[in-house]
């Protein structure tokens, strides 16, 4: 999955198992996504946090 837009991140979150989404790291990603989507957050914060969580979870990804 290519993560380019906020909608892509939302889709990713929707594919995660319930147990994974319950982790505090993924809860933080969801909170940052909501802030960015509502114009109240910096997308840089979301992408930085997402990259860190993906590294912690050993998920392979490519930057676009």
PDB file of N, CA and C in Angstrom:
ATOM      1  N   UNK A   1       0.845  -1.176   0.000  1.00  0.00           N
ATOM      2  CA  UNK A   1       0.000   0.000   0.000  1.00  0.00           C
ATOM      3  C   UNK A   1       0.889   1.237   0.000  1.00  0.00           C
ATOM      4  N   UNK A   2       0.601   2.152  -0.870  1.00  0.00           N
ATOM      5  CA  UNK A   2       1.301   3.431  -0.895  1.00  0.00           C
ATOM      6  C   UNK A   2       0.569   4.402   0.031  1.00  0.00           C
ATOM      7  N   UNK A   3       1.316   5.045   0.904  1.00  0.00           N
ATOM      8  CA  UNK A   3       0.740   6.025   1.814  1.00  0.00           C
ATOM      9  C   UNK A   3       1.144   7.406   1.342  1.00  0.00           C
ATOM     10  N   UNK A   4       0.226   8.045   0.635  1.00  0.00           N
ATOM     11  CA  UNK A   4       0.509   9.348   0.047  1.00  0.00           C
ATOM     12  C   UNK A   4      -0.414  10.409   0.633  1.00  0.00           C
ATOM     13  N   UNK A   5      -1.661  10.054   0.863  1.00  0.00           N
ATOM     14  CA  UNK A   5      -2.651  11.020   1.323  1.00  0.00           C
ATOM     15  C   UNK A   5      -3.162  10.637   2.716  1.00  0.00           C
ATOM     16  N   UNK A   6      -3.875  11.576   3.326  1.00  0.00           N
ATOM     17  CA  UNK A   6      -4.505  11.279   4.609  1.00  0.00           C
ATOM     18  C   UNK A   6      -5.520  10.149   4.457  1.00  0.00           C
ATOM     19  N   UNK A   7      -6.181  10.093   3.323  1.00  0.00           N
ATOM     20  CA  UNK A   7      -7.141   9.009   3.070  1.00  0.00           C
ATOM     21  C   UNK A   7      -6.434   7.652   3.040  1.00  0.00           C
ATOM     22  N   UNK A   8      -5.202   7.619   2.531  1.00  0.00           N
ATOM     23  CA  UNK A   8      -4.429   6.377   2.522  1.00  0.00           C
ATOM     24  C   UNK A   8      -4.157   5.904   3.946  1.00  0.00           C
ATOM     25  N   UNK A   9      -3.826   6.841   4.828  1.00  0.00           N
ATOM     26  CA  UNK A   9      -3.564   6.492   6.228  1.00  0.00           C
ATOM     27  C   UNK A   9      -4.848   5.992   6.880  1.00  0.00           C
ATOM     28  N   UNK A  10      -5.955   6.649   6.587  1.00  0.00           N
ATOM     29  CA  UNK A  10      -7.249   6.215   7.121  1.00  0.00           C
ATOM     30  C   UNK A  10      -7.570   4.797   6.660  1.00  0.00           C
ATOM     31  N   UNK A  11      -7.293   4.503   5.402  1.00  0.00           N
ATOM     32  CA  UNK A  11      -7.522   3.155   4.868  1.00  0.00           C
ATOM     33  C   UNK A  11      -6.639   2.144   5.581  1.00  0.00           C
ATOM     34  N   UNK A  12      -5.371   2.496   5.786  1.00  0.00           N
ATOM     35  CA  UNK A  12      -4.453   1.616   6.506  1.00  0.00           C
ATOM     36  C   UNK A  12      -5.000   1.290   7.892  1.00  0.00           C
ATOM     37  N   UNK A  13      -5.431   2.308   8.607  1.00  0.00           N
ATOM     38  CA  UNK A  13      -5.969   2.092   9.950  1.00  0.00           C
ATOM     39  C   UNK A  13      -7.176   1.160   9.914  1.00  0.00           C
ATOM     40  N   UNK A  14      -7.983   1.283   8.882  1.00  0.00           N
ATOM     41  CA  UNK A  14      -9.158   0.428   8.746  1.00  0.00           C
ATOM     42  C   UNK A  14      -8.816  -1.030   8.506  1.00  0.00           C
ATOM     43  N   UNK A  15      -7.628  -1.296   7.984  1.00  0.00           N
ATOM     44  CA  UNK A  15      -7.203  -2.669   7.708  1.00  0.00           C
ATOM     45  C   UNK A  15      -6.509  -3.327   8.898  1.00  0.00           C
ATOM     46  N   UNK A  16      -6.149  -2.538   9.899  1.00  0.00           N
ATOM     47  CA  UNK A  16      -5.447  -3.101  11.046  1.00  0.00           C
ATOM     48  C   UNK A  16      -6.405  -3.903  11.926  1.00  0.00           C
ATOM     49  N   UNK A  17      -5.917  -5.003  12.490  1.00  0.00           N
ATOM     50  CA  UNK A  17      -6.747  -5.755  13.435  1.00  0.00           C
ATOM     51  C   UNK A  17      -7.087  -4.895  14.653  1.00  0.00           C
ATOM     52  N   UNK A  18      -8.203  -5.199  15.272  1.00  0.00           N
ATOM     53  CA  UNK A  18      -8.684  -4.440  16.422  1.00  0.00           C
ATOM     54  C   UNK A  18      -7.626  -4.361  17.531  1.00  0.00           C
ATOM     55  N   UNK A  19      -6.915  -5.463  17.772  1.00  0.00           N
ATOM     56  CA  UNK A  19      -5.894  -5.491  18.821  1.00  0.00           C
ATOM     57  C   UNK A  19      -4.744  -4.528  18.499  1.00  0.00           C
ATOM     58  N   UNK A  20      -4.390  -4.443  17.236  1.00  0.00           N
ATOM     59  CA  UNK A  20      -3.318  -3.541  16.821  1.00  0.00           C
ATOM     60  C   UNK A  20      -3.762  -2.092  16.973  1.00  0.00           C
ATOM     61  N   UNK A  21      -4.982  -1.787  16.544  1.00  0.00           N
ATOM     62  CA  UNK A  21      -5.499  -0.408  16.653  1.00  0.00           C
ATOM     63  C   UNK A  21      -5.622   0.029  18.102  1.00  0.00           C
ATOM     64  N   UNK A  22      -5.725  -0.929  19.030  1.00  0.00           N
ATOM     65  CA  UNK A  22      -5.869  -0.599  20.442  1.00  0.00           C
ATOM     66  C   UNK A  22      -4.548  -0.177  21.085  1.00  0.00           C
ATOM     67  N   UNK A  23      -3.417  -0.434  20.413  1.00  0.00           N
ATOM     68  CA  UNK A  23      -2.118  -0.044  20.950  1.00  0.00           C
ATOM     69  C   UNK A  23      -2.014   1.481  21.005  1.00  0.00           C
ATOM     70  N   UNK A  24      -1.324   1.957  22.025  1.00  0.00           N
ATOM     71  CA  UNK A  24      -1.202   3.413  22.200  1.00  0.00           C
ATOM     72  C   UNK A  24      -0.509   4.071  21.005  1.00  0.00           C
ATOM     73  N   UNK A  25       0.414   3.355  20.371  1.00  0.00           N
ATOM     74  CA  UNK A  25       1.109   3.937  19.223  1.00  0.00           C
ATOM     75  C   UNK A  25       0.137   4.211  18.081  1.00  0.00           C
ATOM     76  N   UNK A  26      -0.735   3.266  17.815  1.00  0.00           N
ATOM     77  CA  UNK A  26      -1.701   3.441  16.727  1.00  0.00           C
ATOM     78  C   UNK A  26      -2.810   4.409  17.118  1.00  0.00           C
ATOM     79  N   UNK A  27      -3.118   4.490  18.415  1.00  0.00           N
ATOM     80  CA  UNK A  27      -4.083   5.486  18.885  1.00  0.00           C
ATOM     81  C   UNK A  27      -3.531   6.885  18.643  1.00  0.00           C
ATOM     82  N   UNK A  28      -2.219   7.045  18.834  1.00  0.00           N
ATOM     83  CA  UNK A  28      -1.582   8.339  18.578  1.00  0.00           C
ATOM     84  C   UNK A  28      -1.659   8.689  17.088  1.00  0.00           C
ATOM     85  N   UNK A  29      -1.413   7.709  16.224  1.00  0.00           N
ATOM     86  CA  UNK A  29      -1.517   7.939  14.777  1.00  0.00           C
ATOM     87  C   UNK A  29      -2.923   8.380  14.421  1.00  0.00           C
ATOM     88  N   UNK A  30      -3.915   7.716  14.981  1.00  0.00           N
ATOM     89  CA  UNK A  30      -5.301   8.077  14.698  1.00  0.00           C
ATOM     90  C   UNK A  30      -5.612   9.498  15.160  1.00  0.00           C
ATOM     91  N   UNK A  31      -5.111   9.874  16.337  1.00  0.00           N
ATOM     92  CA  UNK A  31      -5.335  11.229  16.848  1.00  0.00           C
ATOM     93  C   UNK A  31      -4.664  12.270  15.948  1.00  0.00           C
ATOM     94  N   UNK A  32      -3.435  11.988  15.508  1.00  0.00           N
ATOM     95  CA  UNK A  32      -2.732  12.912  14.613  1.00  0.00           C
ATOM     96  C   UNK A  32      -3.448  13.016  13.265  1.00  0.00           C
ATOM     97  N   UNK A  33      -3.967  11.904  12.788  1.00  0.00           N
ATOM     98  CA  UNK A  33      -4.720  11.902  11.529  1.00  0.00           C
ATOM     99  C   UNK A  33      -5.955  12.786  11.647  1.00  0.00           C
ATOM    100  N   UNK A  34      -6.684  12.644  12.740  1.00  0.00           N
ATOM    101  CA  UNK A  34      -7.889  13.462  12.939  1.00  0.00           C
ATOM    102  C   UNK A  34      -7.549  14.941  12.999  1.00  0.00           C
ATOM    103  N   UNK A  35      -6.460  15.284  13.704  1.00  0.00           N
ATOM    104  CA  UNK A  35      -6.043  16.695  13.780  1.00  0.00           C
ATOM    105  C   UNK A  35      -5.692  17.226  12.400  1.00  0.00           C
ATOM    106  N   UNK A  36      -4.922  16.453  11.653  1.00  0.00           N
ATOM    107  CA  UNK A  36      -4.511  16.890  10.310  1.00  0.00           C
ATOM    108  C   UNK A  36      -5.717  17.024   9.386  1.00  0.00           C
ATOM    109  N   UNK A  37      -6.637  16.080   9.468  1.00  0.00           N
ATOM    110  CA  UNK A  37      -7.819  16.105   8.601  1.00  0.00           C
ATOM    111  C   UNK A  37      -8.722  17.292   8.909  1.00  0.00           C
ATOM    112  N   UNK A  38      -8.734  17.722  10.169  1.00  0.00           N
ATOM    113  CA  UNK A  38      -9.575  18.853  10.570  1.00  0.00           C
ATOM    114  C   UNK A  38      -8.849  20.188  10.432  1.00  0.00           C
ATOM    115  N   UNK A  39      -7.638  20.151   9.906  1.00  0.00           N
ATOM    116  CA  UNK A  39      -6.887  21.388   9.709  1.00  0.00           C
ATOM    117  C   UNK A  39      -6.223  21.903  10.966  1.00  0.00           C
ATOM    118  N   UNK A  40      -6.312  21.157  12.059  1.00  0.00           N
ATOM    119  CA  UNK A  40      -5.749  21.621  13.320  1.00  0.00           C
ATOM    120  C   UNK A  40      -4.393  21.036  13.639  1.00  0.00           C
ATOM    121  N   UNK A  41      -3.895  20.194  12.760  1.00  0.00           N
ATOM    122  CA  UNK A  41      -2.610  19.558  13.037  1.00  0.00           C
ATOM    123  C   UNK A  41      -1.672  19.690  11.848  1.00  0.00           C
ATOM    124  N   UNK A  42      -0.428  19.458  12.128  1.00  0.00           N
ATOM    125  CA  UNK A  42       0.595  19.523  11.103  1.00  0.00           C
ATOM    126  C   UNK A  42       0.761  18.132  10.504  1.00  0.00           C
ATOM    127  N   UNK A  43       0.662  18.010   9.203  1.00  0.00           N
ATOM    128  CA  UNK A  43       0.799  16.697   8.576  1.00  0.00           C
ATOM    129  C   UNK A  43       2.195  16.122   8.792  1.00  0.00           C
ATOM    130  N   UNK A  44       3.173  16.984   9.010  1.00  0.00           N
ATOM    131  CA  UNK A  44       4.528  16.508   9.282  1.00  0.00           C
ATOM    132  C   UNK A  44       4.548  15.682  10.563  1.00  0.00           C
ATOM    133  N   UNK A  45       3.798  16.105  11.566  1.00  0.00           N
ATOM    134  CA  UNK A  45       3.711  15.347  12.813  1.00  0.00           C
ATOM    135  C   UNK A  45       3.117  13.966  12.563  1.00  0.00           C
ATOM    136  N   UNK A  46       2.092  13.904  11.742  1.00  0.00           N
ATOM    137  CA  UNK A  46       1.461  12.629  11.422  1.00  0.00           C
ATOM    138  C   UNK A  46       2.441  11.715  10.704  1.00  0.00           C
ATOM    139  N   UNK A  47       3.100  12.218   9.662  1.00  0.00           N
ATOM    140  CA  UNK A  47       3.996  11.371   8.874  1.00  0.00           C
ATOM    141  C   UNK A  47       5.187  10.916   9.703  1.00  0.00           C
ATOM    142  N   UNK A  48       5.727  11.781  10.554  1.00  0.00           N
ATOM    143  CA  UNK A  48       6.861  11.393  11.403  1.00  0.00           C
ATOM    144  C   UNK A  48       6.451  10.293  12.378  1.00  0.00           C
ATOM    145  N   UNK A  49       5.307  10.465  13.008  1.00  0.00           N
ATOM    146  CA  UNK A  49       4.817   9.457  13.948  1.00  0.00           C
ATOM    147  C   UNK A  49       4.520   8.148  13.228  1.00  0.00           C
ATOM    148  N   UNK A  50       3.924   8.230  12.057  1.00  0.00           N
ATOM    149  CA  UNK A  50       3.599   7.027  11.295  1.00  0.00           C
ATOM    150  C   UNK A  50       4.867   6.268  10.906  1.00  0.00           C
ATOM    151  N   UNK A  51       5.864   6.984  10.451  1.00  0.00           N
ATOM    152  CA  UNK A  51       7.125   6.323  10.077  1.00  0.00           C
ATOM    153  C   UNK A  51       7.748   5.621  11.276  1.00  0.00           C
ATOM    154  N   UNK A  52       7.706   6.251  12.441  1.00  0.00           N
ATOM    155  CA  UNK A  52       8.261   5.633  13.641  1.00  0.00           C
ATOM    156  C   UNK A  52       7.495   4.372  14.025  1.00  0.00           C
ATOM    157  N   UNK A  53       6.179   4.431  13.964  1.00  0.00           N
ATOM    158  CA  UNK A  53       5.374   3.259  14.316  1.00  0.00           C
ATOM    159  C   UNK A  53       5.615   2.127  13.321  1.00  0.00           C
ATOM    160  N   UNK A  54       5.690   2.455  12.057  1.00  0.00           N
ATOM    161  CA  UNK A  54       5.945   1.414  11.053  1.00  0.00           C
ATOM    162  C   UNK A  54       7.307   0.761  11.280  1.00  0.00           C
ATOM    163  N   UNK A  55       8.304   1.557  11.659  1.00  0.00           N
ATOM    164  CA  UNK A  55       9.620   0.984  11.955  1.00  0.00           C
ATOM    165  C   UNK A  55       9.551   0.096  13.195  1.00  0.00           C
ATOM    166  N   UNK A  56       8.855   0.560  14.235  1.00  0.00           N
ATOM    167  CA  UNK A  56       8.718  -0.238  15.458  1.00  0.00           C
ATOM    168  C   UNK A  56       8.010  -1.564  15.200  1.00  0.00           C
ATOM    169  N   UNK A  57       7.051  -1.543  14.278  1.00  0.00           N
ATOM    170  CA  UNK A  57       6.270  -2.738  13.966  1.00  0.00           C
ATOM    171  C   UNK A  57       6.942  -3.600  12.887  1.00  0.00           C
ATOM    172  N   UNK A  58       8.125  -3.183  12.432  1.00  0.00           N
ATOM    173  CA  UNK A  58       8.853  -3.901  11.372  1.00  0.00           C
ATOM    174  C   UNK A  58       8.064  -4.022  10.076  1.00  0.00           C
ATOM    175  N   UNK A  59       7.367  -2.957   9.725  1.00  0.00           N
ATOM    176  CA  UNK A  59       6.605  -2.928   8.486  1.00  0.00           C
ATOM    177  C   UNK A  59       7.479  -2.293   7.414  1.00  0.00           C
ATOM    178  N   UNK A  60       7.636  -2.978   6.306  1.00  0.00           N
ATOM    179  CA  UNK A  60       8.427  -2.438   5.190  1.00  0.00           C
ATOM    180  C   UNK A  60       7.583  -1.387   4.471  1.00  0.00           C
ATOM    181  N   UNK A  61       8.205  -0.274   4.143  1.00  0.00           N
ATOM    182  CA  UNK A  61       7.501   0.784   3.436  1.00  0.00           C
ATOM    183  C   UNK A  61       8.484   1.520   2.551  1.00  0.00           C
ATOM    184  N   UNK A  62       7.915   2.208   1.561  1.00  0.00           N
ATOM    185  CA  UNK A  62       8.716   3.045   0.669  1.00  0.00           C
ATOM    186  C   UNK A  62       8.198   4.462   0.758  1.00  0.00           C
ATOM    187  N   UNK A  63       9.109   5.392   0.760  1.00  0.00           N
ATOM    188  CA  UNK A  63       8.710   6.805   0.732  1.00  0.00           C
ATOM    189  C   UNK A  63       8.333   7.187  -0.685  1.00  0.00           C
ATOM    190  N   UNK A  64       7.296   7.937  -0.840  1.00  0.00           N
ATOM    191  CA  UNK A  64       6.853   8.432  -2.154  1.00  0.00           C
ATOM    192  C   UNK A  64       7.095   9.914  -2.212  1.00  0.00           C
TER     193      UNK A  64
END
